[in-house]
Amino acid sequence: MERNLKKRETMHRLHAMGLEIFHAKGYYNTSLDDILKELSLSKGAFYHHFKSKEDYFISIIQNLIVQKVYALLVEPLNVNENPLHAIVDSLENALEPGKSNEMAYGFMLHDFMTEFNKRNTEISSYLKDILKVWEVNLVSVLKNGKIDGHIARHIDCEGVATYIIASYLGMRSLLSENNGRQLKYQYLQQLKHYFNSITERQVVA
């Protein structure tokens, strides 16, 4: 029991530190020697846990990035109220920099998707699967919103989900280059106006 706990703690530390390293320098700009130095590991110890740098990064995706995305953008949608309010709140929190969200703005999924695009199909597939989980959950809560009368019946939930994801990822990129609260405020206000246009009642304030 204690041995398993220590192993989990060790793996969590390796994943957390690795995510910081890869996000700061980029996957392709980070060598195995960089990783070993930052983690204070020998090659033997590293290969005891992981087959390669790629295997290490995939492990980080599966054990940490998935959790971060879920906590920021999926879990907040599980509410018994107007889903549009929940979506706005989740995006606002995900775009907020702070001690609990130190890695730039929101999560780093978009950065990694851009880096691996057309360079590593296996890792790209893992990252796109995470985005798919968010999309599926968005569509689900939007459809429930239609059933509950919060969203107009004629609205295409899949199209709305695509718009939400695309606009958020675009905003994520802009904010990483321009640390402006005004930019974030304008985005959220326009998002609320859009949400008001897809409901039969003016409810998103």
Protein backbone atom coordinates (compact mmCIF):
# COMPACT_ATOMS: atom_id res chain seq x y z
CA MET A 1 0.00 0.00 0.00
CA GLU A 2 2.70 2.49 1.04
CA ARG A 3 4.88 1.41 -1.89
CA ASN A 4 2.05 2.00 -4.36
CA LEU A 5 1.37 5.41 -2.84
CA LYS A 6 5.01 6.42 -3.21
CA LYS A 7 4.99 5.21 -6.81
CA ARG A 8 1.91 7.30 -7.59
CA GLU A 9 3.47 10.33 -5.94
CA THR A 10 6.67 9.83 -7.94
CA MET A 11 4.77 9.50 -11.21
CA HIS A 12 2.68 12.58 -10.47
CA ARG A 13 5.85 14.58 -9.78
CA LEU A 14 7.45 13.37 -13.01
CA HIS A 15 4.32 14.21 -14.99
CA ALA A 16 3.88 17.67 -13.42
CA MET A 17 7.52 18.65 -13.87
CA GLY A 18 7.60 17.24 -17.39
CA LEU A 19 4.53 19.22 -18.39
CA GLU A 20 6.17 22.43 -17.19
CA ILE A 21 9.37 21.62 -19.11
CA PHE A 22 7.62 20.75 -22.37
CA HIS A 23 5.27 23.72 -22.20
CA ALA A 24 8.08 26.16 -21.46
CA LYS A 25 10.52 24.95 -24.13
CA GLY A 26 8.36 23.00 -26.54
CA TYR A 27 8.52 19.26 -27.11
CA TYR A 28 10.96 19.38 -30.02
CA ASN A 29 13.21 21.90 -28.30
CA THR A 30 13.50 19.69 -25.22
CA SER A 31 16.13 16.96 -25.32
CA LEU A 32 16.23 13.89 -23.15
CA ASP A 33 19.29 15.35 -21.42
CA ASP A 34 17.25 18.47 -20.57
CA ILE A 35 14.58 16.27 -19.04
CA LEU A 36 17.04 14.20 -17.02
CA LYS A 37 18.73 17.33 -15.70
CA GLU A 38 15.45 19.00 -14.68
CA LEU A 39 14.11 15.83 -13.08
CA SER A 40 17.43 14.90 -11.46
CA LEU A 41 17.15 11.43 -12.94
CA SER A 42 19.66 9.03 -14.40
CA LYS A 43 18.95 7.50 -17.80
CA GLY A 44 18.41 4.16 -16.11
CA ALA A 45 15.79 5.60 -13.75
CA PHE A 46 14.02 7.36 -16.62
CA TYR A 47 13.87 4.24 -18.77
CA HIS A 48 12.58 2.30 -15.79
CA HIS A 49 9.39 4.38 -16.01
CA PHE A 50 9.21 5.31 -19.71
CA LYS A 51 10.26 3.75 -23.03
CA SER A 52 11.20 7.05 -24.68
CA LYS A 53 10.65 10.81 -24.65
CA GLU A 54 7.54 10.28 -26.75
CA ASP A 55 6.23 7.64 -24.32
CA TYR A 56 6.90 10.09 -21.47
CA PHE A 57 4.90 12.83 -23.17
CA ILE A 58 2.00 10.49 -23.97
CA SER A 59 1.96 9.46 -20.31
CA ILE A 60 1.73 13.15 -19.37
CA ILE A 61 -1.20 13.58 -21.77
CA GLN A 62 -3.06 10.59 -20.37
CA ASN A 63 -2.44 11.34 -16.72
CA LEU A 64 -2.27 15.11 -16.44
CA ILE A 65 -3.44 17.10 -19.47
CA VAL A 66 -6.69 15.13 -19.59
CA GLN A 67 -7.30 15.99 -15.92
CA LYS A 68 -6.56 19.68 -16.47
CA VAL A 69 -8.90 19.97 -19.44
CA TYR A 70 -11.63 18.05 -17.64
CA ALA A 71 -11.35 20.18 -14.50
CA LEU A 72 -11.36 23.47 -16.44
CA LEU A 73 -13.85 22.87 -19.20
CA VAL A 74 -15.90 19.71 -18.67
CA GLU A 75 -16.62 19.29 -14.96
CA PRO A 76 -18.07 22.84 -14.59
CA LEU A 77 -20.76 21.93 -17.15
CA ASN A 78 -22.34 19.37 -14.82
CA VAL A 79 -24.93 21.71 -13.35
CA ASN A 80 -28.72 21.63 -13.19
CA GLU A 81 -29.23 25.11 -14.56
CA ASN A 82 -28.91 27.13 -17.76
CA PRO A 83 -25.93 25.52 -19.55
CA LEU A 84 -25.06 28.79 -21.28
CA HIS A 85 -24.22 30.37 -17.93
CA ALA A 86 -22.07 27.36 -17.03
CA ILE A 87 -20.21 27.51 -20.36
CA VAL A 88 -19.45 31.23 -20.01
CA ASP A 89 -18.23 30.73 -16.43
CA SER A 90 -15.99 27.80 -17.44
CA LEU A 91 -14.40 29.77 -20.29
CA GLU A 92 -13.88 32.82 -18.10
CA ASN A 93 -12.12 30.72 -15.46
CA ALA A 94 -10.05 28.87 -18.05
CA LEU A 95 -8.78 32.17 -19.47
CA GLU A 96 -7.88 33.59 -16.08
CA PRO A 97 -4.18 33.62 -15.17
CA GLY A 98 -3.27 33.06 -11.56
CA LYS A 99 -1.57 30.82 -9.05
CA SER A 100 -3.99 27.99 -9.74
CA ASN A 101 -3.53 28.36 -13.47
CA GLU A 102 0.10 29.40 -13.90
CA MET A 103 0.84 27.95 -17.31
CA ALA A 104 -0.11 30.97 -19.40
CA TYR A 105 -3.86 31.30 -19.95
CA GLY A 106 -6.17 28.36 -19.71
CA PHE A 107 -4.74 25.00 -20.58
CA MET A 108 -1.88 24.29 -22.97
CA LEU A 109 -3.71 21.89 -25.27
CA HIS A 110 -3.80 24.32 -28.18
CA ASP A 111 -0.06 25.01 -27.94
CA PHE A 112 0.79 21.32 -28.13
CA MET A 113 -1.73 20.64 -30.91
CA THR A 114 -0.07 23.37 -32.98
CA GLU A 115 3.42 22.02 -32.29
CA PHE A 116 2.59 18.42 -33.19
CA ASN A 117 0.39 19.16 -36.21
CA LYS A 118 1.77 17.23 -39.22
CA ARG A 119 4.84 16.24 -37.18
CA ASN A 120 3.59 13.42 -34.98
CA THR A 121 0.27 11.82 -35.89
CA GLU A 122 0.15 9.57 -32.80
CA ILE A 123 0.52 12.38 -30.28
CA SER A 124 -1.76 14.63 -32.35
CA SER A 125 -4.40 11.93 -32.16
CA TYR A 126 -4.18 11.79 -28.36
CA LEU A 127 -4.53 15.57 -28.14
CA LYS A 128 -7.47 15.68 -30.56
CA ASP A 129 -9.21 12.99 -28.52
CA ILE A 130 -9.12 15.32 -25.50
CA LEU A 131 -10.72 18.06 -27.58
CA LYS A 132 -13.36 15.56 -28.69
CA VAL A 133 -14.27 14.83 -25.07
CA TRP A 134 -14.90 18.54 -24.50
CA GLU A 135 -16.94 18.75 -27.71
CA VAL A 136 -19.11 15.75 -26.80
CA ASN A 137 -19.85 17.21 -23.37
CA LEU A 138 -20.66 20.63 -24.83
CA VAL A 139 -23.11 19.10 -27.30
CA SER A 140 -24.71 17.08 -24.52
CA VAL A 141 -25.34 20.04 -22.21
CA LEU A 142 -26.53 22.19 -25.12
CA LYS A 143 -29.07 19.53 -26.12
CA ASN A 144 -30.25 19.32 -22.53
CA GLY A 145 -30.57 23.10 -22.60
CA LYS A 146 -32.93 22.79 -25.56
CA ILE A 147 -35.02 20.21 -23.72
CA ASP A 148 -35.20 22.42 -20.63
CA GLY A 149 -36.23 25.47 -22.66
CA HIS A 150 -33.06 27.49 -22.21
CA ILE A 151 -32.02 27.24 -25.87
CA ALA A 152 -34.20 27.71 -28.95
CA ARG A 153 -35.36 24.47 -30.54
CA HIS A 154 -34.00 25.24 -34.01
CA ILE A 155 -30.39 25.68 -32.81
CA ASP A 156 -27.72 23.29 -34.16
CA CYS A 157 -25.95 22.15 -30.98
CA GLU A 158 -23.02 20.63 -32.85
CA GLY A 159 -22.45 23.90 -34.69
CA VAL A 160 -22.61 25.90 -31.45
CA ALA A 161 -20.09 23.55 -29.81
CA THR A 162 -17.72 23.96 -32.76
CA TYR A 163 -18.00 27.75 -32.50
CA ILE A 164 -17.33 27.71 -28.73
CA ILE A 165 -14.22 25.55 -29.11
CA ALA A 166 -12.82 27.50 -32.07
CA SER A 167 -13.43 30.89 -30.44
CA TYR A 168 -11.90 29.78 -27.15
CA LEU A 169 -8.77 28.33 -28.75
CA GLY A 170 -8.35 31.49 -30.81
CA MET A 171 -8.75 33.65 -27.73
CA ARG A 172 -6.29 31.45 -25.87
CA SER A 173 -3.69 32.22 -28.53
CA LEU A 174 -4.36 35.96 -28.50
CA LEU A 175 -4.12 36.20 -24.72
CA SER A 176 -0.82 34.33 -24.64
CA GLU A 177 0.64 37.15 -26.72
CA ASN A 178 -1.38 40.04 -25.33
CA ASN A 179 -1.92 40.03 -21.58
CA GLY A 180 -5.04 42.18 -21.76
CA ARG A 181 -8.03 41.96 -19.48
CA GLN A 182 -9.86 44.26 -21.90
CA LEU A 183 -9.44 41.67 -24.66
CA LYS A 184 -10.83 38.94 -22.44
CA TYR A 185 -13.72 41.17 -21.35
CA GLN A 186 -14.64 41.97 -24.96
CA TYR A 187 -14.55 38.29 -25.90
CA LEU A 188 -16.83 37.26 -23.02
CA GLN A 189 -19.27 40.08 -23.73
CA GLN A 190 -19.56 39.08 -27.38
CA LEU A 191 -19.95 35.44 -26.38
CA LYS A 192 -22.84 36.42 -24.11
CA HIS A 193 -24.46 38.39 -26.94
CA TYR A 194 -24.14 35.33 -29.15
CA PHE A 195 -25.68 33.10 -26.50
CA ASN A 196 -28.56 35.53 -26.09
CA SER A 197 -29.21 35.19 -29.82
CA ILE A 198 -29.70 31.41 -29.56
CA THR A 199 -32.19 31.48 -26.73
CA GLU A 200 -35.81 32.50 -26.84
CA ARG A 201 -35.38 34.38 -23.58
CA GLN A 202 -32.71 36.99 -22.85
CA VAL A 203 -31.05 35.10 -20.04
CA VAL A 204 -27.26 35.39 -20.35
CA ALA A 205 -26.16 38.39 -18.30
